[in-house]
């Protein structure tokens, strides 16, 4: 199960465990954001560079002109693998 945010993914881990499902043996759960609680919960998540994200947002805001069509920035992310995920069948 892939969740939109780490908060939702941590909730999914708790809900799965309450229902007797073993994470990750029976259900893999992943999140997005890599908040500090993710590490404590053993959540596999996609980490993104928050400082760079803020800098890019500031630059886009300061340089806001109607003539600029391309206002996108690509930021590197990485997969932080922890205990809430496993290979299929493992």
Protein backbone atom coordinates (compact mmCIF):
# COMPACT_ATOMS: atom_id res chain seq x y z
CA UNK A 1 0.00 0.00 0.00
CA UNK A 2 1.45 3.34 -1.03
CA UNK A 3 0.20 6.35 0.91
CA UNK A 4 0.25 10.00 -0.15
CA UNK A 5 1.92 11.10 3.09
CA UNK A 6 3.91 9.54 5.90
CA UNK A 7 1.20 10.45 8.39
CA UNK A 8 -1.33 8.38 6.44
CA UNK A 9 1.17 5.53 6.06
CA UNK A 10 1.90 5.42 9.80
CA UNK A 11 -1.85 5.29 10.41
CA UNK A 12 -2.10 2.44 7.91
CA UNK A 13 0.62 0.52 9.79
CA UNK A 14 -1.28 0.92 13.06
CA UNK A 15 -4.58 -0.09 11.43
CA UNK A 16 -3.01 -3.15 9.77
CA UNK A 17 -1.46 -4.28 13.04
CA UNK A 18 -4.79 -3.83 14.89
CA UNK A 19 -6.37 -6.12 12.30
CA UNK A 20 -3.69 -8.74 12.85
CA UNK A 21 -1.83 -8.16 9.58
CA UNK A 22 1.93 -8.49 9.71
CA UNK A 23 3.79 -5.59 8.11
CA UNK A 24 5.70 -6.25 5.85
CA UNK A 25 5.18 -10.04 5.68
CA UNK A 26 1.54 -9.68 4.61
CA UNK A 27 1.35 -6.02 3.61
CA UNK A 28 3.99 -3.54 2.45
CA UNK A 29 3.28 0.08 3.38
CA UNK A 30 5.16 3.08 2.02
CA UNK A 31 4.83 6.82 2.55
CA UNK A 32 6.06 10.11 1.17
CA UNK A 33 7.94 12.93 2.95
CA UNK A 34 10.33 11.18 5.38
CA UNK A 35 9.13 13.03 8.45
CA UNK A 36 11.00 12.25 11.71
CA UNK A 37 8.22 9.93 12.91
CA UNK A 38 8.80 7.75 9.83
CA UNK A 39 12.13 6.56 11.12
CA UNK A 40 10.71 5.70 14.55
CA UNK A 41 7.82 3.79 12.91
CA UNK A 42 10.16 1.90 10.56
CA UNK A 43 8.34 3.32 7.54
CA UNK A 44 9.75 2.99 4.04
CA UNK A 45 9.26 6.39 2.43
CA UNK A 46 10.27 8.73 -0.35
CA UNK A 47 12.49 11.47 1.05
CA UNK A 48 12.60 14.86 -0.59
CA UNK A 49 14.91 17.81 0.06
CA UNK A 50 12.77 20.20 2.13
CA UNK A 51 15.34 23.03 2.21
CA UNK A 52 15.80 22.90 -1.57
CA UNK A 53 12.03 22.80 -1.99
CA UNK A 54 11.68 25.98 0.07
CA UNK A 55 14.47 27.71 -1.83
CA UNK A 56 12.93 26.79 -5.19
CA UNK A 57 9.52 28.05 -4.04
CA UNK A 58 11.08 31.36 -2.95
CA UNK A 59 12.93 31.74 -6.23
CA UNK A 60 9.76 31.05 -8.21
CA UNK A 61 7.84 33.58 -6.12
CA UNK A 62 10.47 36.30 -6.49
CA UNK A 63 10.87 35.73 -10.22
CA UNK A 64 7.13 35.66 -10.92
CA UNK A 65 6.54 37.25 -14.29
CA UNK A 66 3.72 36.50 -16.73
CA UNK A 67 6.21 36.12 -19.61
CA UNK A 68 7.86 33.00 -18.14
CA UNK A 69 5.99 29.91 -19.25
CA UNK A 70 8.14 27.25 -17.58
CA UNK A 71 7.79 27.64 -13.82
CA UNK A 72 8.66 24.08 -12.80
CA UNK A 73 11.64 22.83 -10.82
CA UNK A 74 12.73 19.21 -10.49
CA UNK A 75 14.12 18.17 -7.13
CA UNK A 76 15.94 14.93 -6.40
CA UNK A 77 14.23 12.43 -4.16
CA UNK A 78 15.37 9.10 -2.79
CA UNK A 79 13.75 5.99 -1.42
CA UNK A 80 14.44 5.49 2.28
CA UNK A 81 13.97 1.77 2.81
CA UNK A 82 12.97 0.68 6.30
CA UNK A 83 11.05 -2.17 7.90
CA UNK A 84 7.56 -1.55 6.49
CA UNK A 85 8.45 -2.99 3.08
CA UNK A 86 9.77 -6.29 1.82
CA UNK A 87 10.23 -8.12 -1.44
CA UNK A 88 7.14 -10.02 -2.66
CA UNK A 89 6.84 -13.44 -1.13
CA UNK A 90 9.44 -12.83 1.55
